[in-house]
């Protein structure tokens, strides 16, 4: 259940993907799933890597290498967007 939440959260972070096209949808799904994997890993939540890989592979076949890299970059940006406030808060508490 938490994995689905991570997927949804990553999907709704600011980005420049055009969701109105089939390729945009594929890029959005790739971004969300990779972002969900980053979040699960960060929070040390056991997730099925084979399931992540299967889902990613089902969407990446619709994209060019450049679009895959853009989706991966968007996932990394989404991850940092979500994690940064936690890190800033942890640093403030440690000071």
Foldseek 3Di string as FASTA:
>chain_A
DVLVVQLVQQLPDDDDQDCPDLLSVLLSNLLSLLLSVVVCVVVVHDDDVVVSVVSNVVSCVVDDPVSNVRSNVSSVVSNCVVCVVVVVVVVVVVD
